[in-house]
Amino acid sequence: MSADHYPLTALQLAAYGRDGYLVLPNVLTEAELLPLEAVFERFIRGQVGGMGRDFCDMSGPYGRAFADFNLVNAVLPRVYEPALQDNVFERRATSIARQLMGDDAALDYDQFLAKRPQRPKAVFAWHQDLGYW
């Protein structure tokens, strides 16, 4: 494994073809996660400004005060925090996607949801979105 490449084995490729998913060990190290975690935490604490409706609570209406958020939804975080662009996870995920789906696989959209701790209404059920965009 290198900074940009996470090699899949023939067995992993076959398992993906058969099962439609993979569980991949050690895609990132703890040390590689630390810089990403620091940026992520800025979003979770509501410290990234200028996001407008791209920063909201998925459990309630727009306009809710950040202190009342249950679920933090950050749409296009790479736009608002350029430090997230071209990070090690993004590069490795691209490597994995290209091995599974072909050389034209690329990042299409970025968003994250985070449940705030100690919030009983922080519920986001498992679902599958359509590629409507």
N, C-alpha and C. Protein backbone atom coordinates (compact mmCIF):
# COMPACT_ATOMS: atom_id res chain seq x y z
N MET A 1 0.84 -1.17 0.00
CA MET A 1 0.00 0.00 0.00
C MET A 1 0.89 1.24 0.00
N SER A 2 0.49 2.25 -0.77
CA SER A 2 1.20 3.52 -0.79
C SER A 2 0.21 4.63 -0.45
N ALA A 3 0.68 5.86 -0.45
CA ALA A 3 -0.19 6.99 -0.13
C ALA A 3 -1.39 7.06 -1.07
N ASP A 4 -1.21 6.60 -2.29
CA ASP A 4 -2.29 6.72 -3.28
C ASP A 4 -2.94 5.40 -3.67
N HIS A 5 -2.35 4.29 -3.31
CA HIS A 5 -2.85 3.02 -3.84
C HIS A 5 -3.11 2.01 -2.72
N TYR A 6 -4.26 1.37 -2.80
CA TYR A 6 -4.63 0.28 -1.91
C TYR A 6 -4.90 -0.92 -2.81
N PRO A 7 -3.93 -1.83 -2.94
CA PRO A 7 -4.10 -2.94 -3.89
C PRO A 7 -5.10 -3.97 -3.39
N LEU A 8 -6.01 -4.35 -4.26
CA LEU A 8 -6.95 -5.41 -3.96
C LEU A 8 -6.43 -6.72 -4.53
N THR A 9 -6.69 -7.80 -3.83
CA THR A 9 -6.27 -9.12 -4.29
C THR A 9 -7.30 -9.69 -5.25
N ALA A 10 -6.91 -10.72 -5.96
CA ALA A 10 -7.84 -11.41 -6.85
C ALA A 10 -9.02 -11.98 -6.07
N LEU A 11 -8.77 -12.47 -4.86
CA LEU A 11 -9.86 -12.98 -4.02
C LEU A 11 -10.84 -11.87 -3.63
N GLN A 12 -10.32 -10.69 -3.30
CA GLN A 12 -11.20 -9.57 -2.95
C GLN A 12 -12.03 -9.13 -4.16
N LEU A 13 -11.41 -9.08 -5.32
CA LEU A 13 -12.15 -8.70 -6.52
C LEU A 13 -13.24 -9.72 -6.82
N ALA A 14 -12.94 -10.99 -6.66
CA ALA A 14 -13.94 -12.04 -6.90
C ALA A 14 -15.07 -11.94 -5.87
N ALA A 15 -14.72 -11.67 -4.62
CA ALA A 15 -15.74 -11.54 -3.57
C ALA A 15 -16.65 -10.35 -3.86
N TYR A 16 -16.08 -9.26 -4.33
CA TYR A 16 -16.90 -8.10 -4.67
C TYR A 16 -17.85 -8.44 -5.83
N GLY A 17 -17.34 -9.12 -6.83
CA GLY A 17 -18.18 -9.53 -7.96
C GLY A 17 -19.30 -10.47 -7.53
N ARG A 18 -19.02 -11.33 -6.59
CA ARG A 18 -20.00 -12.29 -6.10
C ARG A 18 -20.99 -11.67 -5.11
N ASP A 19 -20.46 -10.89 -4.14
CA ASP A 19 -21.28 -10.41 -3.03
C ASP A 19 -21.76 -8.97 -3.18
N GLY A 20 -21.07 -8.18 -3.98
CA GLY A 20 -21.45 -6.79 -4.16
C GLY A 20 -20.91 -5.84 -3.11
N TYR A 21 -20.06 -6.32 -2.21
CA TYR A 21 -19.45 -5.47 -1.19
C TYR A 21 -18.15 -6.09 -0.74
N LEU A 22 -17.35 -5.28 -0.07
CA LEU A 22 -16.10 -5.75 0.52
C LEU A 22 -15.92 -5.10 1.89
N VAL A 23 -15.27 -5.79 2.77
CA VAL A 23 -14.78 -5.22 4.02
C VAL A 23 -13.27 -5.20 3.89
N LEU A 24 -12.70 -4.01 3.89
CA LEU A 24 -11.27 -3.87 3.65
C LEU A 24 -10.54 -3.47 4.93
N PRO A 25 -9.54 -4.22 5.31
CA PRO A 25 -8.80 -3.90 6.55
C PRO A 25 -7.77 -2.79 6.31
N ASN A 26 -7.58 -1.98 7.33
CA ASN A 26 -6.45 -1.04 7.37
C ASN A 26 -6.34 -0.14 6.14
N VAL A 27 -7.45 0.41 5.71
CA VAL A 27 -7.40 1.34 4.58
C VAL A 27 -6.59 2.58 4.97
N LEU A 28 -6.74 3.01 6.21
CA LEU A 28 -5.97 4.13 6.74
C LEU A 28 -5.37 3.76 8.09
N THR A 29 -4.25 4.35 8.39
CA THR A 29 -3.67 4.17 9.72
C THR A 29 -4.22 5.24 10.65
N GLU A 30 -4.02 5.05 11.93
CA GLU A 30 -4.43 6.05 12.92
C GLU A 30 -3.74 7.39 12.63
N ALA A 31 -2.47 7.35 12.31
CA ALA A 31 -1.72 8.58 12.03
C ALA A 31 -2.28 9.30 10.80
N GLU A 32 -2.73 8.55 9.82
CA GLU A 32 -3.31 9.16 8.62
C GLU A 32 -4.68 9.77 8.90
N LEU A 33 -5.39 9.22 9.86
CA LEU A 33 -6.71 9.74 10.21
C LEU A 33 -6.66 11.05 10.99
N LEU A 34 -5.61 11.26 11.78
CA LEU A 34 -5.55 12.41 12.68
C LEU A 34 -5.78 13.76 11.98
N PRO A 35 -5.13 14.07 10.87
CA PRO A 35 -5.38 15.37 10.23
C PRO A 35 -6.83 15.49 9.73
N LEU A 36 -7.39 14.40 9.24
CA LEU A 36 -8.78 14.42 8.78
C LEU A 36 -9.73 14.61 9.95
N GLU A 37 -9.42 13.96 11.05
CA GLU A 37 -10.26 14.08 12.24
C GLU A 37 -10.30 15.51 12.74
N ALA A 38 -9.18 16.21 12.71
CA ALA A 38 -9.14 17.59 13.17
C ALA A 38 -10.06 18.48 12.34
N VAL A 39 -10.07 18.30 11.04
CA VAL A 39 -10.95 19.08 10.17
C VAL A 39 -12.40 18.68 10.39
N PHE A 40 -12.65 17.40 10.46
CA PHE A 40 -14.00 16.88 10.70
C PHE A 40 -14.57 17.47 11.99
N GLU A 41 -13.76 17.53 13.03
CA GLU A 41 -14.22 18.06 14.32
C GLU A 41 -14.63 19.53 14.21
N ARG A 42 -13.97 20.28 13.34
CA ARG A 42 -14.37 21.68 13.15
C ARG A 42 -15.80 21.76 12.61
N PHE A 43 -16.16 20.86 11.72
CA PHE A 43 -17.54 20.81 11.21
C PHE A 43 -18.50 20.42 12.33
N ILE A 44 -18.14 19.39 13.08
CA ILE A 44 -19.02 18.87 14.14
C ILE A 44 -19.27 19.92 15.22
N ARG A 45 -18.30 20.79 15.43
CA ARG A 45 -18.47 21.85 16.44
C ARG A 45 -19.12 23.10 15.85
N GLY A 46 -19.46 23.07 14.56
CA GLY A 46 -20.09 24.22 13.92
C GLY A 46 -19.15 25.38 13.70
N GLN A 47 -17.86 25.10 13.48
CA GLN A 47 -16.85 26.14 13.36
C GLN A 47 -16.45 26.46 11.92
N VAL A 48 -17.14 25.88 10.95
CA VAL A 48 -16.85 26.18 9.55
C VAL A 48 -17.97 27.11 9.07
N GLY A 49 -17.61 28.33 8.78
CA GLY A 49 -18.62 29.33 8.45
C GLY A 49 -18.95 29.39 6.96
N GLY A 50 -19.97 30.17 6.66
CA GLY A 50 -20.34 30.46 5.28
C GLY A 50 -21.04 29.34 4.55
N MET A 51 -21.52 28.32 5.23
CA MET A 51 -22.10 27.16 4.55
C MET A 51 -23.59 27.32 4.25
N GLY A 52 -24.24 28.26 4.91
CA GLY A 52 -25.68 28.44 4.66
C GLY A 52 -26.44 27.15 4.85
N ARG A 53 -27.30 26.81 3.88
CA ARG A 53 -28.14 25.60 3.98
C ARG A 53 -27.34 24.32 3.75
N ASP A 54 -26.07 24.44 3.37
CA ASP A 54 -25.23 23.25 3.23
C ASP A 54 -24.77 22.70 4.58
N PHE A 55 -25.11 23.40 5.64
CA PHE A 55 -24.83 22.93 7.00
C PHE A 55 -26.15 22.98 7.75
N CYS A 56 -26.67 21.81 8.07
CA CYS A 56 -28.00 21.78 8.69
C CYS A 56 -28.15 20.54 9.58
N ASP A 57 -29.30 20.45 10.18
CA ASP A 57 -29.66 19.30 11.02
C ASP A 57 -30.66 18.46 10.25
N MET A 58 -30.28 17.24 9.94
CA MET A 58 -31.17 16.35 9.17
C MET A 58 -32.39 15.89 9.97
N SER A 59 -32.43 16.17 11.26
CA SER A 59 -33.56 15.70 12.06
C SER A 59 -34.62 16.78 12.28
N GLY A 60 -34.41 17.96 11.69
CA GLY A 60 -35.37 19.03 11.92
C GLY A 60 -35.33 20.05 10.80
N PRO A 61 -36.05 21.14 10.98
CA PRO A 61 -36.17 22.15 9.93
C PRO A 61 -34.90 22.99 9.78
N TYR A 62 -34.76 23.61 8.59
CA TYR A 62 -33.70 24.59 8.40
C TYR A 62 -33.93 25.73 9.39
N GLY A 63 -32.86 26.40 9.75
CA GLY A 63 -32.98 27.53 10.64
C GLY A 63 -32.84 27.19 12.11
N ARG A 64 -32.74 25.91 12.42
CA ARG A 64 -32.57 25.48 13.81
C ARG A 64 -31.20 25.94 14.30
N ALA A 65 -31.15 26.40 15.55
CA ALA A 65 -29.88 26.82 16.14
C ALA A 65 -28.94 25.62 16.26
N PHE A 66 -27.64 25.86 16.05
CA PHE A 66 -26.68 24.77 16.11
C PHE A 66 -26.74 24.04 17.45
N ALA A 67 -26.96 24.73 18.52
CA ALA A 67 -27.04 24.10 19.85
C ALA A 67 -28.15 23.05 19.91
N ASP A 68 -29.14 23.15 19.04
CA ASP A 68 -30.26 22.21 19.03
C ASP A 68 -30.11 21.10 18.01
N PHE A 69 -29.02 21.09 17.25
CA PHE A 69 -28.81 20.04 16.24
C PHE A 69 -28.73 18.67 16.90
N ASN A 70 -29.33 17.69 16.26
CA ASN A 70 -29.16 16.28 16.61
C ASN A 70 -28.21 15.60 15.63
N LEU A 71 -28.38 15.90 14.35
CA LEU A 71 -27.57 15.34 13.28
C LEU A 71 -26.90 16.47 12.51
N VAL A 72 -25.61 16.44 12.43
CA VAL A 72 -24.88 17.43 11.65
C VAL A 72 -24.79 16.92 10.22
N ASN A 73 -25.29 17.72 9.29
CA ASN A 73 -25.22 17.40 7.86
C ASN A 73 -24.36 18.46 7.19
N ALA A 74 -23.23 18.07 6.64
CA ALA A 74 -22.36 18.99 5.92
C ALA A 74 -22.33 18.56 4.45
N VAL A 75 -22.92 19.38 3.61
CA VAL A 75 -22.97 19.12 2.18
C VAL A 75 -21.78 19.81 1.53
N LEU A 76 -21.06 19.09 0.70
CA LEU A 76 -19.89 19.60 0.00
C LEU A 76 -18.82 20.16 0.95
N PRO A 77 -18.45 19.40 1.97
CA PRO A 77 -17.46 19.92 2.92
C PRO A 77 -16.13 20.28 2.28
N ARG A 78 -15.76 19.63 1.18
CA ARG A 78 -14.49 19.94 0.51
C ARG A 78 -14.48 21.35 -0.08
N VAL A 79 -15.67 21.87 -0.39
CA VAL A 79 -15.77 23.24 -0.91
C VAL A 79 -15.48 24.25 0.20
N TYR A 80 -16.00 23.96 1.38
CA TYR A 80 -15.89 24.90 2.50
C TYR A 80 -14.60 24.73 3.31
N GLU A 81 -13.98 23.58 3.19
CA GLU A 81 -12.73 23.33 3.89
C GLU A 81 -11.77 22.66 2.93
N PRO A 82 -11.03 23.46 2.15
CA PRO A 82 -10.14 22.91 1.12
C PRO A 82 -9.11 21.92 1.64
N ALA A 83 -8.81 21.93 2.95
CA ALA A 83 -7.85 20.96 3.50
C ALA A 83 -8.33 19.53 3.29
N LEU A 84 -9.63 19.35 3.04
CA LEU A 84 -10.15 18.01 2.79
C LEU A 84 -9.89 17.53 1.36
N GLN A 85 -9.56 18.43 0.48
CA GLN A 85 -9.35 18.05 -0.92
C GLN A 85 -8.06 17.26 -1.09
N ASP A 86 -8.15 16.20 -1.87
CA ASP A 86 -7.00 15.38 -2.22
C ASP A 86 -6.31 14.79 -0.99
N ASN A 87 -7.09 14.41 0.01
CA ASN A 87 -6.51 13.79 1.20
C ASN A 87 -6.23 12.31 0.95
N VAL A 88 -5.52 11.69 1.87
CA VAL A 88 -5.09 10.31 1.69
C VAL A 88 -6.28 9.35 1.56
N PHE A 89 -7.34 9.59 2.31
CA PHE A 89 -8.51 8.71 2.18
C PHE A 89 -9.14 8.84 0.79
N GLU A 90 -9.25 10.06 0.32
CA GLU A 90 -9.82 10.29 -1.01
C GLU A 90 -9.00 9.57 -2.08
N ARG A 91 -7.68 9.67 -1.98
CA ARG A 91 -6.82 9.02 -2.98
C ARG A 91 -6.92 7.50 -2.90
N ARG A 92 -6.93 6.96 -1.69
CA ARG A 92 -7.04 5.49 -1.56
C ARG A 92 -8.41 5.00 -1.99
N ALA A 93 -9.45 5.74 -1.63
CA ALA A 93 -10.80 5.34 -2.04
C ALA A 93 -10.92 5.35 -3.57
N THR A 94 -10.29 6.32 -4.21
CA THR A 94 -10.29 6.37 -5.68
C THR A 94 -9.57 5.15 -6.24
N SER A 95 -8.46 4.78 -5.64
CA SER A 95 -7.73 3.60 -6.08
C SER A 95 -8.60 2.35 -5.97
N ILE A 96 -9.29 2.22 -4.86
CA ILE A 96 -10.16 1.05 -4.65
C ILE A 96 -11.30 1.06 -5.66
N ALA A 97 -11.94 2.21 -5.82
CA ALA A 97 -13.07 2.31 -6.76
C ALA A 97 -12.65 1.98 -8.18
N ARG A 98 -11.49 2.43 -8.59
CA ARG A 98 -11.03 2.16 -9.96
C ARG A 98 -10.74 0.68 -10.18
N GLN A 99 -10.25 0.02 -9.16
CA GLN A 99 -10.01 -1.42 -9.29
C GLN A 99 -11.34 -2.19 -9.40
N LEU A 100 -12.35 -1.68 -8.75
CA LEU A 100 -13.65 -2.36 -8.74
C LEU A 100 -14.52 -1.99 -9.93
N MET A 101 -14.42 -0.73 -10.39
CA MET A 101 -15.38 -0.25 -11.38
C MET A 101 -14.77 0.29 -12.66
N GLY A 102 -13.45 0.41 -12.71
CA GLY A 102 -12.82 0.92 -13.93
C GLY A 102 -12.09 2.22 -13.70
N ASP A 103 -11.21 2.54 -14.65
CA ASP A 103 -10.31 3.69 -14.50
C ASP A 103 -11.01 5.04 -14.53
N ASP A 104 -12.26 5.10 -14.95
CA ASP A 104 -12.94 6.39 -14.98
C ASP A 104 -13.69 6.70 -13.68
N ALA A 105 -13.61 5.81 -12.68
CA ALA A 105 -14.26 6.07 -11.40
C ALA A 105 -13.58 7.27 -10.73
N ALA A 106 -14.40 8.19 -10.22
CA ALA A 106 -13.87 9.40 -9.60
C ALA A 106 -14.86 9.92 -8.57
N LEU A 107 -14.39 10.78 -7.71
CA LEU A 107 -15.25 11.41 -6.72
C LEU A 107 -16.34 12.20 -7.44
N ASP A 108 -17.58 11.95 -7.04
CA ASP A 108 -18.72 12.59 -7.68
C ASP A 108 -19.36 13.63 -6.77
N TYR A 109 -19.37 13.38 -5.49
CA TYR A 109 -20.13 14.20 -4.56
C TYR A 109 -19.61 13.93 -3.16
N ASP A 110 -19.56 14.93 -2.32
CA ASP A 110 -19.14 14.69 -0.94
C ASP A 110 -20.12 15.32 0.04
N GLN A 111 -20.34 14.58 1.10
CA GLN A 111 -21.27 14.98 2.15
C GLN A 111 -20.98 14.09 3.34
N PHE A 112 -21.22 14.59 4.54
CA PHE A 112 -21.17 13.68 5.68
C PHE A 112 -22.27 14.03 6.66
N LEU A 113 -22.67 13.03 7.39
CA LEU A 113 -23.65 13.14 8.46
C LEU A 113 -22.99 12.65 9.72
N ALA A 114 -23.23 13.34 10.81
CA ALA A 114 -22.67 12.92 12.10
C ALA A 114 -23.74 13.07 13.17
N LYS A 115 -23.92 12.01 13.92
CA LYS A 115 -24.86 12.05 15.05
C LYS A 115 -24.16 12.72 16.22
N ARG A 116 -24.80 13.72 16.79
CA ARG A 116 -24.21 14.38 17.96
C ARG A 116 -24.43 13.50 19.18
N PRO A 117 -23.46 13.45 20.07
CA PRO A 117 -23.57 12.57 21.24
C PRO A 117 -24.68 13.00 22.20
N GLN A 118 -25.22 12.02 22.87
CA GLN A 118 -26.24 12.25 23.91
C GLN A 118 -27.50 12.92 23.35
N ARG A 119 -27.84 12.62 22.10
CA ARG A 119 -29.03 13.19 21.49
C ARG A 119 -29.95 12.05 21.07
N PRO A 120 -31.00 11.77 21.83
CA PRO A 120 -31.88 10.65 21.51
C PRO A 120 -32.57 10.78 20.15
N LYS A 121 -32.68 11.99 19.63
CA LYS A 121 -33.30 12.18 18.32
C LYS A 121 -32.29 12.10 17.18
N ALA A 122 -31.06 11.74 17.49
CA ALA A 122 -30.03 11.59 16.47
C ALA A 122 -30.19 10.24 15.79
N VAL A 123 -31.24 10.12 15.00
CA VAL A 123 -31.56 8.86 14.32
C VAL A 123 -31.49 9.09 12.81
N PHE A 124 -30.71 8.27 12.17
CA PHE A 124 -30.63 8.32 10.71
C PHE A 124 -30.64 6.88 10.23
N ALA A 125 -31.77 6.44 9.78
CA ALA A 125 -31.95 5.03 9.42
C ALA A 125 -31.14 4.67 8.18
N TRP A 126 -30.71 3.42 8.13
CA TRP A 126 -30.02 2.90 6.96
C TRP A 126 -30.94 3.04 5.76
N HIS A 127 -30.39 3.51 4.67
CA HIS A 127 -31.18 3.69 3.46
C HIS A 127 -30.24 3.73 2.25
N GLN A 128 -30.83 3.76 1.08
CA GLN A 128 -30.07 3.86 -0.15
C GLN A 128 -30.62 5.03 -0.96
N ASP A 129 -29.80 6.04 -1.17
CA ASP A 129 -30.23 7.17 -1.99
C ASP A 129 -30.15 6.80 -3.46
N LEU A 130 -30.94 7.46 -4.24
CA LEU A 130 -30.85 7.35 -5.70
C LEU A 130 -29.82 8.36 -6.17
N GLY A 131 -29.19 8.09 -7.26
CA GLY A 131 -28.25 9.04 -7.84
C GLY A 131 -29.01 10.09 -8.63
N TYR A 132 -29.78 10.92 -7.95
CA TYR A 132 -30.66 11.88 -8.62
C TYR A 132 -29.93 13.09 -9.15
N TRP A 133 -28.70 13.30 -8.72
CA TRP A 133 -27.99 14.46 -9.21
C TRP A 133 -27.22 14.12 -10.47
